Amino acid sequence: SKYGNTTGIVIIKDGIVSYEKYFKGCTANSRVHVYSVTKS
């Protein structure tokens, strides 16, 4: 509803993947331009 341009989200808690979900027809192999994440 509010973050409709999201293509994927991953949550890791205590070193374990606890949530992994993809949106807009994307999959785990989908890659997007991450913009300023490049700086880090």
PDB file of all heavy atoms in Angstrom:
ATOM      1  N   SER A   1       0.805  -1.223   0.000  1.00  0.00           N
ATOM      2  CA  SER A   1       0.000   0.000   0.000  1.00  0.00           C
ATOM      3  C   SER A   1       0.837   1.272   0.000  1.00  0.00           C
ATOM      4  O   SER A   1       0.471   2.266  -0.644  1.00  0.00           O
ATOM      5  CB  SER A   1      -0.930   0.007   1.219  1.00  0.00           C
ATOM      6  OG  SER A   1      -0.175   0.034   2.423  1.00  0.00           O
ATOM      7  N   LYS A   2       1.981   1.253   0.706  1.00  0.00           N
ATOM      8  CA  LYS A   2       2.741   2.490   0.887  1.00  0.00           C
ATOM      9  C   LYS A   2       4.128   2.453   0.240  1.00  0.00           C
ATOM     10  O   LYS A   2       4.713   3.496  -0.040  1.00  0.00           O
ATOM     11  CB  LYS A   2       2.888   2.784   2.380  1.00  0.00           C
ATOM     12  CG  LYS A   2       3.440   4.172   2.687  1.00  0.00           C
ATOM     13  CD  LYS A   2       3.460   4.443   4.183  1.00  0.00           C
ATOM     14  CE  LYS A   2       4.047   5.821   4.489  1.00  0.00           C
ATOM     15  NZ  LYS A   2       4.094   6.094   5.956  1.00  0.00           N
ATOM     16  N   TYR A   3       4.628   1.249  -0.006  1.00  0.00           N
ATOM     17  CA  TYR A   3       5.987   1.098  -0.543  1.00  0.00           C
ATOM     18  C   TYR A   3       5.944   0.245  -1.799  1.00  0.00           C
ATOM     19  O   TYR A   3       6.662  -0.753  -1.938  1.00  0.00           O
ATOM     20  CB  TYR A   3       6.894   0.470   0.508  1.00  0.00           C
ATOM     21  CG  TYR A   3       6.949   1.232   1.813  1.00  0.00           C
ATOM     22  CD1 TYR A   3       6.028   1.004   2.832  1.00  0.00           C
ATOM     23  CD2 TYR A   3       7.928   2.201   2.032  1.00  0.00           C
ATOM     24  CE1 TYR A   3       6.077   1.710   4.029  1.00  0.00           C
ATOM     25  CE2 TYR A   3       7.989   2.913   3.228  1.00  0.00           C
ATOM     26  CZ  TYR A   3       7.054   2.663   4.213  1.00  0.00           C
ATOM     27  OH  TYR A   3       7.109   3.364   5.398  1.00  0.00           O
ATOM     28  N   GLY A   4       5.081   0.627  -2.732  1.00  0.00           N
ATOM     29  CA  GLY A   4       4.774  -0.189  -3.899  1.00  0.00           C
ATOM     30  C   GLY A   4       5.903  -0.390  -4.889  1.00  0.00           C
ATOM     31  O   GLY A   4       5.792  -1.227  -5.788  1.00  0.00           O
ATOM     32  N   ASN A   5       6.981   0.380  -4.756  1.00  0.00           N
ATOM     33  CA  ASN A   5       8.116   0.199  -5.677  1.00  0.00           C
ATOM     34  C   ASN A   5       9.116  -0.830  -5.162  1.00  0.00           C
ATOM     35  O   ASN A   5      10.147  -1.063  -5.770  1.00  0.00           O
ATOM     36  CB  ASN A   5       8.826   1.528  -5.929  1.00  0.00           C
ATOM     37  CG  ASN A   5       9.455   2.112  -4.671  1.00  0.00           C
ATOM     38  OD1 ASN A   5       8.894   2.022  -3.587  1.00  0.00           O
ATOM     39  ND2 ASN A   5      10.622   2.714  -4.813  1.00  0.00           N
ATOM     40  N   THR A   6       8.799  -1.460  -4.023  1.00  0.00           N
ATOM     41  CA  THR A   6       9.686  -2.462  -3.433  1.00  0.00           C
ATOM     42  C   THR A   6       9.755  -3.705  -4.304  1.00  0.00           C
ATOM     43  O   THR A   6       8.722  -4.207  -4.763  1.00  0.00           O
ATOM     44  CB  THR A   6       9.195  -2.854  -2.024  1.00  0.00           C
ATOM     45  OG1 THR A   6       9.173  -1.693  -1.197  1.00  0.00           O
ATOM     46  CG2 THR A   6      10.095  -3.912  -1.393  1.00  0.00           C
ATOM     47  N   THR A   7      10.957  -4.207  -4.526  1.00  0.00           N
ATOM     48  CA  THR A   7      11.126  -5.441  -5.300  1.00  0.00           C
ATOM     49  C   THR A   7      11.499  -6.626  -4.418  1.00  0.00           C
ATOM     50  O   THR A   7      11.319  -7.774  -4.817  1.00  0.00           O
ATOM     51  CB  THR A   7      12.206  -5.277  -6.386  1.00  0.00           C
ATOM     52  OG1 THR A   7      13.458  -4.925  -5.761  1.00  0.00           O
ATOM     53  CG2 THR A   7      11.808  -4.187  -7.376  1.00  0.00           C
ATOM     54  N   GLY A   8      12.041  -6.367  -3.239  1.00  0.00           N
ATOM     55  CA  GLY A   8      12.407  -7.464  -2.360  1.00  0.00           C
ATOM     56  C   GLY A   8      12.834  -6.983  -0.993  1.00  0.00           C
ATOM     57  O   GLY A   8      13.260  -5.834  -0.827  1.00  0.00           O
ATOM     58  N   ILE A   9      12.701  -7.863  -0.015  1.00  0.00           N
ATOM     59  CA  ILE A   9      13.123  -7.542   1.344  1.00  0.00           C
ATOM     60  C   ILE A   9      13.647  -8.815   2.013  1.00  0.00           C
ATOM     61  O   ILE A   9      13.074  -9.893   1.841  1.00  0.00           O
ATOM     62  CB  ILE A   9      11.972  -6.921   2.162  1.00  0.00           C
ATOM     63  CG1 ILE A   9      12.424  -6.557   3.577  1.00  0.00           C
ATOM     64  CG2 ILE A   9      10.753  -7.825   2.189  1.00  0.00           C
ATOM     65  CD1 ILE A   9      11.407  -5.705   4.321  1.00  0.00           C
ATOM     66  N   VAL A  10      14.754  -8.687   2.713  1.00  0.00           N
ATOM     67  CA  VAL A  10      15.350  -9.800   3.449  1.00  0.00           C
ATOM     68  C   VAL A  10      15.605  -9.340   4.880  1.00  0.00           C
ATOM     69  O   VAL A  10      16.118  -8.239   5.092  1.00  0.00           O
ATOM     70  CB  VAL A  10      16.664 -10.276   2.812  1.00  0.00           C
ATOM     71  CG1 VAL A  10      17.366 -11.302   3.699  1.00  0.00           C
ATOM     72  CG2 VAL A  10      16.414 -10.861   1.419  1.00  0.00           C
ATOM     73  N   ILE A  11      15.243 -10.185   5.850  1.00  0.00           N
ATOM     74  CA  ILE A  11      15.489  -9.893   7.262  1.00  0.00           C
ATOM     75  C   ILE A  11      16.309 -11.035   7.847  1.00  0.00           C
ATOM     76  O   ILE A  11      15.932 -12.203   7.737  1.00  0.00           O
ATOM     77  CB  ILE A  11      14.167  -9.755   8.040  1.00  0.00           C
ATOM     78  CG1 ILE A  11      13.291  -8.647   7.426  1.00  0.00           C
ATOM     79  CG2 ILE A  11      14.439  -9.459   9.513  1.00  0.00           C
ATOM     80  CD1 ILE A  11      11.886  -8.589   8.003  1.00  0.00           C
ATOM     81  N   ILE A  12      17.435 -10.687   8.454  1.00  0.00           N
ATOM     82  CA  ILE A  12      18.286 -11.664   9.131  1.00  0.00           C
ATOM     83  C   ILE A  12      18.339 -11.304  10.609  1.00  0.00           C
ATOM     84  O   ILE A  12      18.695 -10.184  10.965  1.00  0.00           O
ATOM     85  CB  ILE A  12      19.711 -11.683   8.547  1.00  0.00           C
ATOM     86  CG1 ILE A  12      19.680 -12.007   7.052  1.00  0.00           C
ATOM     87  CG2 ILE A  12      20.577 -12.691   9.290  1.00  0.00           C
ATOM     88  CD1 ILE A  12      21.053 -11.984   6.392  1.00  0.00           C
ATOM     89  N   LYS A  13      17.970 -12.253  11.450  1.00  0.00           N
ATOM     90  CA  LYS A  13      17.985 -12.063  12.898  1.00  0.00           C
ATOM     91  C   LYS A  13      18.908 -13.107  13.526  1.00  0.00           C
ATOM     92  O   LYS A  13      18.758 -14.303  13.287  1.00  0.00           O
ATOM     93  CB  LYS A  13      16.562 -12.194  13.457  1.00  0.00           C
ATOM     94  CG  LYS A  13      16.457 -12.253  14.972  1.00  0.00           C
ATOM     95  CD  LYS A  13      16.905 -10.962  15.647  1.00  0.00           C
ATOM     96  CE  LYS A  13      16.634 -11.041  17.146  1.00  0.00           C
ATOM     97  NZ  LYS A  13      17.213  -9.905  17.891  1.00  0.00           N
ATOM     98  N   ASP A  14      19.880 -12.622  14.290  1.00  0.00           N
ATOM     99  CA  ASP A  14      20.838 -13.514  14.941  1.00  0.00           C
ATOM    100  C   ASP A  14      21.515 -14.443  13.939  1.00  0.00           C
ATOM    101  O   ASP A  14      21.750 -15.625  14.224  1.00  0.00           O
ATOM    102  CB  ASP A  14      20.153 -14.330  16.039  1.00  0.00           C
ATOM    103  CG  ASP A  14      19.635 -13.461  17.174  1.00  0.00           C
ATOM    104  OD1 ASP A  14      20.320 -12.468  17.519  1.00  0.00           O
ATOM    105  OD2 ASP A  14      18.550 -13.743  17.706  1.00  0.00           O
ATOM    106  N   GLY A  15      21.810 -13.903  12.747  1.00  0.00           N
ATOM    107  CA  GLY A  15      22.533 -14.668  11.741  1.00  0.00           C
ATOM    108  C   GLY A  15      21.687 -15.626  10.933  1.00  0.00           C
ATOM    109  O   GLY A  15      22.212 -16.344  10.077  1.00  0.00           O
ATOM    110  N   ILE A  16      20.374 -15.658  11.168  1.00  0.00           N
ATOM    111  CA  ILE A  16      19.478 -16.579  10.470  1.00  0.00           C
ATOM    112  C   ILE A  16      18.456 -15.782   9.662  1.00  0.00           C
ATOM    113  O   ILE A  16      17.857 -14.826  10.163  1.00  0.00           O
ATOM    114  CB  ILE A  16      18.742 -17.491  11.470  1.00  0.00           C
ATOM    115  CG1 ILE A  16      19.761 -18.330  12.260  1.00  0.00           C
ATOM    116  CG2 ILE A  16      17.744 -18.398  10.760  1.00  0.00           C
ATOM    117  CD1 ILE A  16      19.146 -19.104  13.399  1.00  0.00           C
ATOM    118  N   VAL A  17      18.259 -16.180   8.400  1.00  0.00           N
ATOM    119  CA  VAL A  17      17.262 -15.512   7.566  1.00  0.00           C
ATOM    120  C   VAL A  17      15.876 -15.843   8.112  1.00  0.00           C
ATOM    121  O   VAL A  17      15.441 -17.001   8.083  1.00  0.00           O
ATOM    122  CB  VAL A  17      17.374 -15.951   6.092  1.00  0.00           C
ATOM    123  CG1 VAL A  17      16.268 -15.299   5.263  1.00  0.00           C
ATOM    124  CG2 VAL A  17      18.741 -15.595   5.523  1.00  0.00           C
ATOM    125  N   SER A  18      15.181 -14.838   8.603  1.00  0.00           N
ATOM    126  CA  SER A  18      13.864 -15.062   9.202  1.00  0.00           C
ATOM    127  C   SER A  18      12.729 -14.629   8.283  1.00  0.00           C
ATOM    128  O   SER A  18      11.561 -14.965   8.524  1.00  0.00           O
ATOM    129  CB  SER A  18      13.754 -14.328  10.535  1.00  0.00           C
ATOM    130  OG  SER A  18      13.858 -12.922  10.345  1.00  0.00           O
ATOM    131  N   TYR A  19      13.069 -13.871   7.239  1.00  0.00           N
ATOM    132  CA  TYR A  19      12.032 -13.413   6.298  1.00  0.00           C
ATOM    133  C   TYR A  19      12.694 -13.068   4.977  1.00  0.00           C
ATOM    134  O   TYR A  19      13.740 -12.411   4.946  1.00  0.00           O
ATOM    135  CB  TYR A  19      11.313 -12.193   6.862  1.00  0.00           C
ATOM    136  CG  TYR A  19      10.197 -11.657   5.993  1.00  0.00           C
ATOM    137  CD1 TYR A  19       8.944 -12.241   5.992  1.00  0.00           C
ATOM    138  CD2 TYR A  19      10.406 -10.555   5.170  1.00  0.00           C
ATOM    139  CE1 TYR A  19       7.907 -11.742   5.196  1.00  0.00           C
ATOM    140  CE2 TYR A  19       9.388 -10.049   4.380  1.00  0.00           C
ATOM    141  CZ  TYR A  19       8.140 -10.641   4.392  1.00  0.00           C
ATOM    142  OH  TYR A  19       7.130 -10.151   3.607  1.00  0.00           O
ATOM    143  N   GLU A  20      12.081 -13.526   3.887  1.00  0.00           N
ATOM    144  CA  GLU A  20      12.570 -13.217   2.542  1.00  0.00           C
ATOM    145  C   GLU A  20      11.365 -13.193   1.612  1.00  0.00           C
ATOM    146  O   GLU A  20      10.641 -14.176   1.491  1.00  0.00           O
ATOM    147  CB  GLU A  20      13.575 -14.278   2.095  1.00  0.00           C
ATOM    148  CG  GLU A  20      14.190 -14.026   0.730  1.00  0.00           C
ATOM    149  CD  GLU A  20      15.244 -15.069   0.354  1.00  0.00           C
ATOM    150  OE1 GLU A  20      15.465 -16.013   1.157  1.00  0.00           O
ATOM    151  OE2 GLU A  20      15.823 -14.946  -0.735  1.00  0.00           O
ATOM    152  N   LYS A  21      11.126 -12.057   0.984  1.00  0.00           N
ATOM    153  CA  LYS A  21       9.928 -11.898   0.170  1.00  0.00           C
ATOM    154  C   LYS A  21      10.225 -10.997  -1.025  1.00  0.00           C
ATOM    155  O   LYS A  21      10.959 -10.003  -0.903  1.00  0.00           O
ATOM    156  CB  LYS A  21       8.803 -11.294   1.014  1.00  0.00           C
ATOM    157  CG  LYS A  21       7.493 -11.085   0.273  1.00  0.00           C
ATOM    158  CD  LYS A  21       6.768 -12.385   0.022  1.00  0.00           C
ATOM    159  CE  LYS A  21       5.400 -12.146  -0.613  1.00  0.00           C
ATOM    160  NZ  LYS A  21       4.662 -13.403  -0.859  1.00  0.00           N
ATOM    161  N   TYR A  22       9.624 -11.321  -2.171  1.00  0.00           N
ATOM    162  CA  TYR A  22       9.853 -10.552  -3.391  1.00  0.00           C
ATOM    163  C   TYR A  22       8.522 -10.049  -3.948  1.00  0.00           C
ATOM    164  O   TYR A  22       7.479 -10.683  -3.773  1.00  0.00           O
ATOM    165  CB  TYR A  22      10.621 -11.394  -4.410  1.00  0.00           C
ATOM    166  CG  TYR A  22      11.956 -11.808  -3.849  1.00  0.00           C
ATOM    167  CD1 TYR A  22      12.118 -13.035  -3.206  1.00  0.00           C
ATOM    168  CD2 TYR A  22      13.028 -10.929  -3.881  1.00  0.00           C
ATOM    169  CE1 TYR A  22      13.328 -13.380  -2.630  1.00  0.00           C
ATOM    170  CE2 TYR A  22      14.245 -11.266  -3.304  1.00  0.00           C
ATOM    171  CZ  TYR A  22      14.388 -12.487  -2.678  1.00  0.00           C
ATOM    172  OH  TYR A  22      15.589 -12.816  -2.096  1.00  0.00           O
ATOM    173  N   PHE A  23       8.588  -8.901  -4.606  1.00  0.00           N
ATOM    174  CA  PHE A  23       7.402  -8.215  -5.075  1.00  0.00           C
ATOM    175  C   PHE A  23       7.568  -7.809  -6.541  1.00  0.00           C
ATOM    176  O   PHE A  23       8.652  -7.906  -7.099  1.00  0.00           O
ATOM    177  CB  PHE A  23       7.148  -6.959  -4.218  1.00  0.00           C
ATOM    178  CG  PHE A  23       7.063  -7.230  -2.750  1.00  0.00           C
ATOM    179  CD1 PHE A  23       8.199  -7.277  -1.950  1.00  0.00           C
ATOM    180  CD2 PHE A  23       5.826  -7.444  -2.135  1.00  0.00           C
ATOM    181  CE1 PHE A  23       8.125  -7.525  -0.587  1.00  0.00           C
ATOM    182  CE2 PHE A  23       5.740  -7.689  -0.771  1.00  0.00           C
ATOM    183  CZ  PHE A  23       6.892  -7.737   0.004  1.00  0.00           C
ATOM    184  N   LYS A  24       6.473  -7.358  -7.146  1.00  0.00           N
ATOM    185  CA  LYS A  24       6.483  -6.841  -8.520  1.00  0.00           C
ATOM    186  C   LYS A  24       7.024  -7.874  -9.516  1.00  0.00           C
ATOM    187  O   LYS A  24       7.702  -7.541 -10.486  1.00  0.00           O
ATOM    188  CB  LYS A  24       7.301  -5.546  -8.608  1.00  0.00           C
ATOM    189  CG  LYS A  24       6.738  -4.409  -7.765  1.00  0.00           C
ATOM    190  CD  LYS A  24       7.580  -3.157  -7.872  1.00  0.00           C
ATOM    191  CE  LYS A  24       7.442  -2.475  -9.218  1.00  0.00           C
ATOM    192  NZ  LYS A  24       6.081  -1.927  -9.439  1.00  0.00           N
ATOM    193  N   GLY A  25       6.750  -9.149  -9.277  1.00  0.00           N
ATOM    194  CA  GLY A  25       7.176 -10.201 -10.182  1.00  0.00           C
ATOM    195  C   GLY A  25       8.651 -10.549 -10.077  1.00  0.00           C
ATOM    196  O   GLY A  25       9.177 -11.299 -10.905  1.00  0.00           O
ATOM    197  N   CYS A  26       9.321 -10.018  -9.078  1.00  0.00           N
ATOM    198  CA  CYS A  26      10.756 -10.281  -8.916  1.00  0.00           C
ATOM    199  C   CYS A  26      10.995 -11.582  -8.156  1.00  0.00           C
ATOM    200  O   CYS A  26      10.105 -12.122  -7.499  1.00  0.00           O
ATOM    201  CB  CYS A  26      11.425  -9.112  -8.186  1.00  0.00           C
ATOM    202  SG  CYS A  26      11.491  -7.598  -9.171  1.00  0.00           S
ATOM    203  N   THR A  27      12.227 -12.084  -8.271  1.00  0.00           N
ATOM    204  CA  THR A  27      12.633 -13.309  -7.595  1.00  0.00           C
ATOM    205  C   THR A  27      13.931 -13.057  -6.842  1.00  0.00           C
ATOM    206  O   THR A  27      14.469 -11.943  -6.858  1.00  0.00           O
ATOM    207  CB  THR A  27      12.870 -14.437  -8.616  1.00  0.00           C
ATOM    208  OG1 THR A  27      14.045 -14.129  -9.397  1.00  0.00           O
ATOM    209  CG2 THR A  27      11.680 -14.598  -9.547  1.00  0.00           C
ATOM    210  N   ALA A  28      14.441 -14.108  -6.222  1.00  0.00           N
ATOM    211  CA  ALA A  28      15.698 -13.994  -5.488  1.00  0.00           C
ATOM    212  C   ALA A  28      16.858 -13.613  -6.395  1.00  0.00           C
ATOM    213  O   ALA A  28      17.883 -13.099  -5.929  1.00  0.00           O
ATOM    214  CB  ALA A  28      15.999 -15.309  -4.769  1.00  0.00           C
ATOM    215  N   ASN A  29      16.728 -13.861  -7.695  1.00  0.00           N
ATOM    216  CA  ASN A  29      17.796 -13.546  -8.651  1.00  0.00           C
ATOM    217  C   ASN A  29      17.667 -12.156  -9.258  1.00  0.00           C
ATOM    218  O   ASN A  29      18.541 -11.735 -10.017  1.00  0.00           O
ATOM    219  CB  ASN A  29      17.819 -14.585  -9.773  1.00  0.00           C
ATOM    220  CG  ASN A  29      18.221 -15.963  -9.279  1.00  0.00           C
ATOM    221  OD1 ASN A  29      19.121 -16.088  -8.457  1.00  0.00           O
ATOM    222  ND2 ASN A  29      17.543 -16.999  -9.768  1.00  0.00           N
ATOM    223  N   SER A  30      16.594 -11.444  -8.938  1.00  0.00           N
ATOM    224  CA  SER A  30      16.392 -10.113  -9.512  1.00  0.00           C
ATOM    225  C   SER A  30      17.352  -9.116  -8.888  1.00  0.00           C
ATOM    226  O   SER A  30      17.536  -9.084  -7.670  1.00  0.00           O
ATOM    227  CB  SER A  30      14.948  -9.651  -9.281  1.00  0.00           C
ATOM    228  OG  SER A  30      14.038 -10.517  -9.921  1.00  0.00           O
ATOM    229  N   ARG A  31      17.967  -8.309  -9.742  1.00  0.00           N
ATOM    230  CA  ARG A  31      18.925  -7.296  -9.287  1.00  0.00           C
ATOM    231  C   ARG A  31      18.432  -5.921  -9.703  1.00  0.00           C
ATOM    232  O   ARG A  31      17.943  -5.743 -10.804  1.00  0.00           O
ATOM    233  CB  ARG A  31      20.311  -7.543  -9.905  1.00  0.00           C
ATOM    234  CG  ARG A  31      20.963  -8.842  -9.478  1.00  0.00           C
ATOM    235  CD  ARG A  31      22.172  -9.139 -10.354  1.00  0.00           C
ATOM    236  NE  ARG A  31      22.972 -10.240  -9.832  1.00  0.00           N
ATOM    237  CZ  ARG A  31      22.704 -11.509 -10.042  1.00  0.00           C
ATOM    238  NH1 ARG A  31      21.642 -11.861 -10.764  1.00  0.00           N
ATOM    239  NH2 ARG A  31      23.479 -12.458  -9.529  1.00  0.00           N
ATOM    240  N   VAL A  32      18.596  -4.955  -8.822  1.00  0.00           N
ATOM    241  CA  VAL A  32      18.209  -3.585  -9.151  1.00  0.00           C
ATOM    242  C   VAL A  32      19.380  -2.641  -8.895  1.00  0.00           C
ATOM    243  O   VAL A  32      20.327  -2.969  -8.181  1.00  0.00           O
ATOM    244  CB  VAL A  32      16.978  -3.122  -8.336  1.00  0.00           C
ATOM    245  CG1 VAL A  32      15.781  -4.018  -8.594  1.00  0.00           C
ATOM    246  CG2 VAL A  32      17.295  -3.044  -6.845  1.00  0.00           C
ATOM    247  N   HIS A  33      19.286  -1.488  -9.499  1.00  0.00           N
ATOM    248  CA  HIS A  33      20.259  -0.423  -9.262  1.00  0.00           C
ATOM    249  C   HIS A  33      20.045   0.090  -7.843  1.00  0.00           C
ATOM    250  O   HIS A  33      18.977   0.613  -7.517  1.00  0.00           O
ATOM    251  CB  HIS A  33      20.040   0.697 -10.285  1.00  0.00           C
ATOM    252  CG  HIS A  33      20.943   1.867 -10.099  1.00  0.00           C
ATOM    253  ND1 HIS A  33      20.671   3.095 -10.652  1.00  0.00           N
ATOM    254  CD2 HIS A  33      22.118   2.011  -9.431  1.00  0.00           C
ATOM    255  CE1 HIS A  33      21.628   3.947 -10.324  1.00  0.00           C
ATOM    256  NE2 HIS A  33      22.519   3.309  -9.586  1.00  0.00           N
ATOM    257  N   VAL A  34      21.059  -0.041  -6.996  1.00  0.00           N
ATOM    258  CA  VAL A  34      20.901   0.310  -5.575  1.00  0.00           C
ATOM    259  C   VAL A  34      21.343   1.742  -5.268  1.00  0.00           C
ATOM    260  O   VAL A  34      21.408   2.141  -4.108  1.00  0.00           O
ATOM    261  CB  VAL A  34      21.652  -0.687  -4.668  1.00  0.00           C
ATOM    262  CG1 VAL A  34      21.045  -2.081  -4.813  1.00  0.00           C
ATOM    263  CG2 VAL A  34      23.149  -0.708  -4.958  1.00  0.00           C
ATOM    264  N   TYR A  35      21.678   2.508  -6.311  1.00  0.00           N
ATOM    265  CA  TYR A  35      22.010   3.922  -6.141  1.00  0.00           C
ATOM    266  C   TYR A  35      23.091   4.134  -5.084  1.00  0.00           C
ATOM    267  O   TYR A  35      24.158   3.547  -5.148  1.00  0.00           O
ATOM    268  CB  TYR A  35      20.739   4.730  -5.849  1.00  0.00           C
ATOM    269  CG  TYR A  35      19.798   4.783  -7.025  1.00  0.00           C
ATOM    270  CD1 TYR A  35      18.826   3.802  -7.220  1.00  0.00           C
ATOM    271  CD2 TYR A  35      19.883   5.801  -7.973  1.00  0.00           C
ATOM    272  CE1 TYR A  35      17.969   3.834  -8.321  1.00  0.00           C
ATOM    273  CE2 TYR A  35      19.030   5.848  -9.077  1.00  0.00           C
ATOM    274  CZ  TYR A  35      18.081   4.859  -9.244  1.00  0.00           C
ATOM    275  OH  TYR A  35      17.243   4.905 -10.332  1.00  0.00           O
ATOM    276  N   SER A  36      22.828   4.953  -4.056  1.00  0.00           N
ATOM    277  CA  SER A  36      23.884   5.359  -3.122  1.00  0.00           C
ATOM    278  C   SER A  36      24.314   4.268  -2.145  1.00  0.00           C
ATOM    279  O   SER A  36      25.265   4.477  -1.387  1.00  0.00           O
ATOM    280  CB  SER A  36      23.444   6.600  -2.337  1.00  0.00           C
ATOM    281  OG  SER A  36      23.467   7.735  -3.172  1.00  0.00           O
ATOM    282  N   VAL A  37      23.663   3.126  -2.145  1.00  0.00           N
ATOM    283  CA  VAL A  37      24.203   1.989  -1.405  1.00  0.00           C
ATOM    284  C   VAL A  37      25.603   1.672  -1.935  1.00  0.00           C
ATOM    285  O   VAL A  37      26.458   1.177  -1.209  1.00  0.00           O
ATOM    286  CB  VAL A  37      23.274   0.761  -1.524  1.00  0.00           C
ATOM    287  CG1 VAL A  37      23.931  -0.492  -0.960  1.00  0.00           C
ATOM    288  CG2 VAL A  37      21.949   1.025  -0.791  1.00  0.00           C
ATOM    289  N   THR A  38      25.831   2.021  -3.205  1.00  0.00           N
ATOM    290  CA  THR A  38      27.146   1.858  -3.819  1.00  0.00           C
ATOM    291  C   THR A  38      28.228   2.550  -3.001  1.00  0.00           C
ATOM    292  O   THR A  38      29.354   2.050  -2.889  1.00  0.00           O
ATOM    293  CB  THR A  38      27.137   2.426  -5.254  1.00  0.00           C
ATOM    294  OG1 THR A  38      26.046   1.854  -5.994  1.00  0.00           O
ATOM    295  CG2 THR A  38      28.451   2.131  -5.975  1.00  0.00           C
ATOM    296  N   LYS A  39      27.910   3.706  -2.432  1.00  0.00           N
ATOM    297  CA  LYS A  39      28.896   4.452  -1.637  1.00  0.00           C
ATOM    298  C   LYS A  39      29.413   3.620  -0.468  1.00  0.00           C
ATOM    299  O   LYS A  39      30.616   3.612  -0.181  1.00  0.00           O
ATOM    300  CB  LYS A  39      28.284   5.756  -1.109  1.00  0.00           C
ATOM    301  CG  LYS A  39      27.925   6.793  -2.157  1.00  0.00           C
ATOM    302  CD  LYS A  39      27.372   8.031  -1.486  1.00  0.00           C
ATOM    303  CE  LYS A  39      27.063   9.139  -2.475  1.00  0.00           C
ATOM    304  NZ  LYS A  39      25.887   8.834  -3.319  1.00  0.00           N
ATOM    305  N   SER A  40      28.506   2.933   0.216  1.00  0.00           N
ATOM    306  CA  SER A  40      28.921   2.137   1.362  1.00  0.00           C
ATOM    307  C   SER A  40      29.772   0.945   0.936  1.00  0.00           C
ATOM    308  O   SER A  40      30.672   0.523   1.673  1.00  0.00           O
ATOM    309  CB  SER A  40      27.693   1.673   2.150  1.00  0.00           C
ATOM    310  OG  SER A  40      26.967   2.791   2.635  1.00  0.00           O
TER     311      SER A  40
END
